[in-house]
Amino acid sequence: MQYSLPKFLVAIAIGRFVRYTLLAFLGAIYGPQILSLFSRHANVAIFIGVAIVVAALVAVLLTRHRR
């Protein structure tokens, strides 16, 4: 697919505008509740974050090992 540069740049700009507008809207609506949740359950949030990072590293190492 060959798109002209102006059409491509407009599509990128519109996509980013929609994405960041939606993120700002969700942050304004749910931000205080999410911060409250994380402050009450900080240990669980940290444990889940570390578990996700470890799982991602294991997945990367396993896929590299199979090559």
N, C-alpha and C. Protein backbone atom coordinates (compact mmCIF):
# COMPACT_ATOMS: atom_id res chain seq x y z
N MET A 1 0.84 -1.18 0.00
CA MET A 1 0.00 0.00 0.00
C MET A 1 0.89 1.24 0.00
N GLN A 2 0.68 2.06 -0.96
CA GLN A 2 1.45 3.29 -1.06
C GLN A 2 0.56 4.47 -0.74
N TYR A 3 0.83 5.09 0.40
CA TYR A 3 0.09 6.29 0.79
C TYR A 3 1.00 7.49 0.60
N SER A 4 0.40 8.61 0.26
CA SER A 4 1.20 9.81 0.16
C SER A 4 1.59 10.27 1.56
N LEU A 5 2.68 10.98 1.64
CA LEU A 5 3.19 11.44 2.93
C LEU A 5 2.19 12.33 3.66
N PRO A 6 1.53 13.28 3.01
CA PRO A 6 0.55 14.10 3.74
C PRO A 6 -0.61 13.28 4.32
N LYS A 7 -1.13 12.32 3.56
CA LYS A 7 -2.22 11.48 4.08
C LYS A 7 -1.75 10.66 5.27
N PHE A 8 -0.55 10.13 5.18
CA PHE A 8 0.01 9.34 6.27
C PHE A 8 0.17 10.18 7.52
N LEU A 9 0.72 11.38 7.38
CA LEU A 9 0.92 12.25 8.54
C LEU A 9 -0.40 12.69 9.16
N VAL A 10 -1.41 12.94 8.33
CA VAL A 10 -2.73 13.31 8.86
C VAL A 10 -3.34 12.13 9.62
N ALA A 11 -3.20 10.93 9.08
CA ALA A 11 -3.73 9.75 9.76
C ALA A 11 -3.04 9.54 11.10
N ILE A 12 -1.73 9.71 11.14
CA ILE A 12 -0.98 9.59 12.40
C ILE A 12 -1.44 10.64 13.39
N ALA A 13 -1.59 11.88 12.93
CA ALA A 13 -2.00 12.97 13.82
C ALA A 13 -3.40 12.74 14.39
N ILE A 14 -4.32 12.30 13.55
CA ILE A 14 -5.69 12.03 14.02
C ILE A 14 -5.70 10.88 15.01
N GLY A 15 -4.96 9.83 14.71
CA GLY A 15 -4.89 8.69 15.61
C GLY A 15 -4.33 9.06 16.98
N ARG A 16 -3.27 9.84 16.98
CA ARG A 16 -2.69 10.26 18.26
C ARG A 16 -3.61 11.21 19.01
N PHE A 17 -4.27 12.09 18.28
CA PHE A 17 -5.20 13.02 18.93
C PHE A 17 -6.31 12.24 19.63
N VAL A 18 -6.88 11.27 18.94
CA VAL A 18 -7.96 10.47 19.54
C VAL A 18 -7.44 9.68 20.73
N ARG A 19 -6.28 9.06 20.58
CA ARG A 19 -5.71 8.25 21.65
C ARG A 19 -5.47 9.08 22.91
N TYR A 20 -4.76 10.20 22.77
CA TYR A 20 -4.41 10.98 23.94
C TYR A 20 -5.60 11.75 24.51
N THR A 21 -6.56 12.08 23.69
CA THR A 21 -7.79 12.69 24.21
C THR A 21 -8.54 11.68 25.06
N LEU A 22 -8.65 10.45 24.59
CA LEU A 22 -9.31 9.40 25.36
C LEU A 22 -8.58 9.13 26.66
N LEU A 23 -7.25 9.06 26.62
CA LEU A 23 -6.48 8.84 27.84
C LEU A 23 -6.65 9.99 28.83
N ALA A 24 -6.68 11.22 28.35
CA ALA A 24 -6.88 12.37 29.24
C ALA A 24 -8.28 12.33 29.85
N PHE A 25 -9.27 11.98 29.06
CA PHE A 25 -10.63 11.89 29.57
C PHE A 25 -10.74 10.81 30.65
N LEU A 26 -10.18 9.62 30.38
CA LEU A 26 -10.23 8.54 31.37
C LEU A 26 -9.44 8.90 32.62
N GLY A 27 -8.32 9.58 32.45
CA GLY A 27 -7.53 10.01 33.60
C GLY A 27 -8.27 11.03 34.45
N ALA A 28 -8.98 11.93 33.81
CA ALA A 28 -9.73 12.93 34.56
C ALA A 28 -10.90 12.31 35.31
N ILE A 29 -11.53 11.32 34.72
CA ILE A 29 -12.68 10.68 35.35
C ILE A 29 -12.26 9.69 36.43
N TYR A 30 -11.32 8.81 36.11
CA TYR A 30 -10.98 7.71 37.01
C TYR A 30 -9.65 7.87 37.73
N GLY A 31 -8.90 8.92 37.46
CA GLY A 31 -7.58 9.11 38.06
C GLY A 31 -7.55 9.07 39.58
N PRO A 32 -8.40 9.85 40.26
CA PRO A 32 -8.37 9.82 41.72
C PRO A 32 -8.71 8.45 42.30
N GLN A 33 -9.62 7.74 41.68
CA GLN A 33 -9.97 6.40 42.17
C GLN A 33 -8.82 5.43 41.99
N ILE A 34 -8.12 5.52 40.87
CA ILE A 34 -6.99 4.63 40.61
C ILE A 34 -5.86 4.93 41.58
N LEU A 35 -5.58 6.22 41.82
CA LEU A 35 -4.53 6.58 42.77
C LEU A 35 -4.87 6.10 44.18
N SER A 36 -6.12 6.21 44.55
CA SER A 36 -6.56 5.73 45.86
C SER A 36 -6.39 4.21 45.96
N LEU A 37 -6.75 3.51 44.91
CA LEU A 37 -6.61 2.05 44.89
C LEU A 37 -5.15 1.64 45.04
N PHE A 38 -4.26 2.29 44.28
CA PHE A 38 -2.85 1.95 44.36
C PHE A 38 -2.24 2.34 45.70
N SER A 39 -2.70 3.42 46.30
CA SER A 39 -2.14 3.81 47.60
C SER A 39 -2.59 2.85 48.70
N ARG A 40 -3.78 2.31 48.59
CA ARG A 40 -4.26 1.35 49.59
C ARG A 40 -3.65 -0.03 49.41
N HIS A 41 -3.33 -0.39 48.19
CA HIS A 41 -2.82 -1.73 47.89
C HIS A 41 -1.46 -1.64 47.19
N ALA A 42 -0.57 -0.84 47.74
CA ALA A 42 0.74 -0.61 47.10
C ALA A 42 1.56 -1.89 47.01
N ASN A 43 1.56 -2.69 48.08
CA ASN A 43 2.37 -3.91 48.07
C ASN A 43 1.91 -4.88 46.99
N VAL A 44 0.62 -5.03 46.84
CA VAL A 44 0.08 -5.94 45.82
C VAL A 44 0.40 -5.42 44.43
N ALA A 45 0.27 -4.10 44.23
CA ALA A 45 0.56 -3.50 42.93
C ALA A 45 2.03 -3.69 42.56
N ILE A 46 2.93 -3.51 43.53
CA ILE A 46 4.35 -3.71 43.27
C ILE A 46 4.64 -5.17 42.95
N PHE A 47 4.04 -6.08 43.70
CA PHE A 47 4.24 -7.51 43.44
C PHE A 47 3.76 -7.89 42.04
N ILE A 48 2.59 -7.41 41.65
CA ILE A 48 2.06 -7.71 40.32
C ILE A 48 2.96 -7.12 39.23
N GLY A 49 3.44 -5.90 39.43
CA GLY A 49 4.34 -5.29 38.46
C GLY A 49 5.64 -6.06 38.30
N VAL A 50 6.21 -6.49 39.42
CA VAL A 50 7.45 -7.28 39.36
C VAL A 50 7.18 -8.63 38.69
N ALA A 51 6.04 -9.24 38.98
CA ALA A 51 5.70 -10.53 38.36
C ALA A 51 5.55 -10.39 36.85
N ILE A 52 4.96 -9.31 36.40
CA ILE A 52 4.80 -9.08 34.95
C ILE A 52 6.16 -8.90 34.29
N VAL A 53 7.05 -8.14 34.92
CA VAL A 53 8.39 -7.93 34.36
C VAL A 53 9.16 -9.25 34.30
N VAL A 54 9.09 -10.05 35.37
CA VAL A 54 9.79 -11.34 35.39
C VAL A 54 9.21 -12.27 34.31
N ALA A 55 7.89 -12.31 34.17
CA ALA A 55 7.27 -13.15 33.15
C ALA A 55 7.69 -12.71 31.75
N ALA A 56 7.78 -11.41 31.52
CA ALA A 56 8.21 -10.91 30.21
C ALA A 56 9.66 -11.30 29.94
N LEU A 57 10.51 -11.18 30.94
CA LEU A 57 11.91 -11.56 30.76
C LEU A 57 12.05 -13.05 30.48
N VAL A 58 11.30 -13.87 31.18
CA VAL A 58 11.34 -15.31 30.95
C VAL A 58 10.87 -15.62 29.53
N ALA A 59 9.80 -14.96 29.09
CA ALA A 59 9.29 -15.19 27.74
C ALA A 59 10.32 -14.80 26.70
N VAL A 60 11.00 -13.67 26.89
CA VAL A 60 12.03 -13.23 25.94
C VAL A 60 13.19 -14.21 25.93
N LEU A 61 13.63 -14.63 27.10
CA LEU A 61 14.75 -15.56 27.15
C LEU A 61 14.39 -16.92 26.53
N LEU A 62 13.18 -17.38 26.73
CA LEU A 62 12.77 -18.65 26.14
C LEU A 62 12.65 -18.57 24.62
N THR A 63 12.15 -17.47 24.12
CA THR A 63 12.04 -17.33 22.66
C THR A 63 13.42 -17.18 22.02
N ARG A 64 14.34 -16.51 22.70
CA ARG A 64 15.70 -16.38 22.15
C ARG A 64 16.43 -17.71 22.19
N HIS A 65 16.17 -18.50 23.22
CA HIS A 65 16.83 -19.80 23.36
C HIS A 65 16.41 -20.78 22.27
N ARG A 66 15.20 -20.66 21.80
CA ARG A 66 14.67 -21.59 20.79
C ARG A 66 15.21 -21.30 19.40
N ARG A 67 15.76 -20.16 19.17
CA ARG A 67 16.25 -19.80 17.82
C ARG A 67 17.45 -20.56 17.43
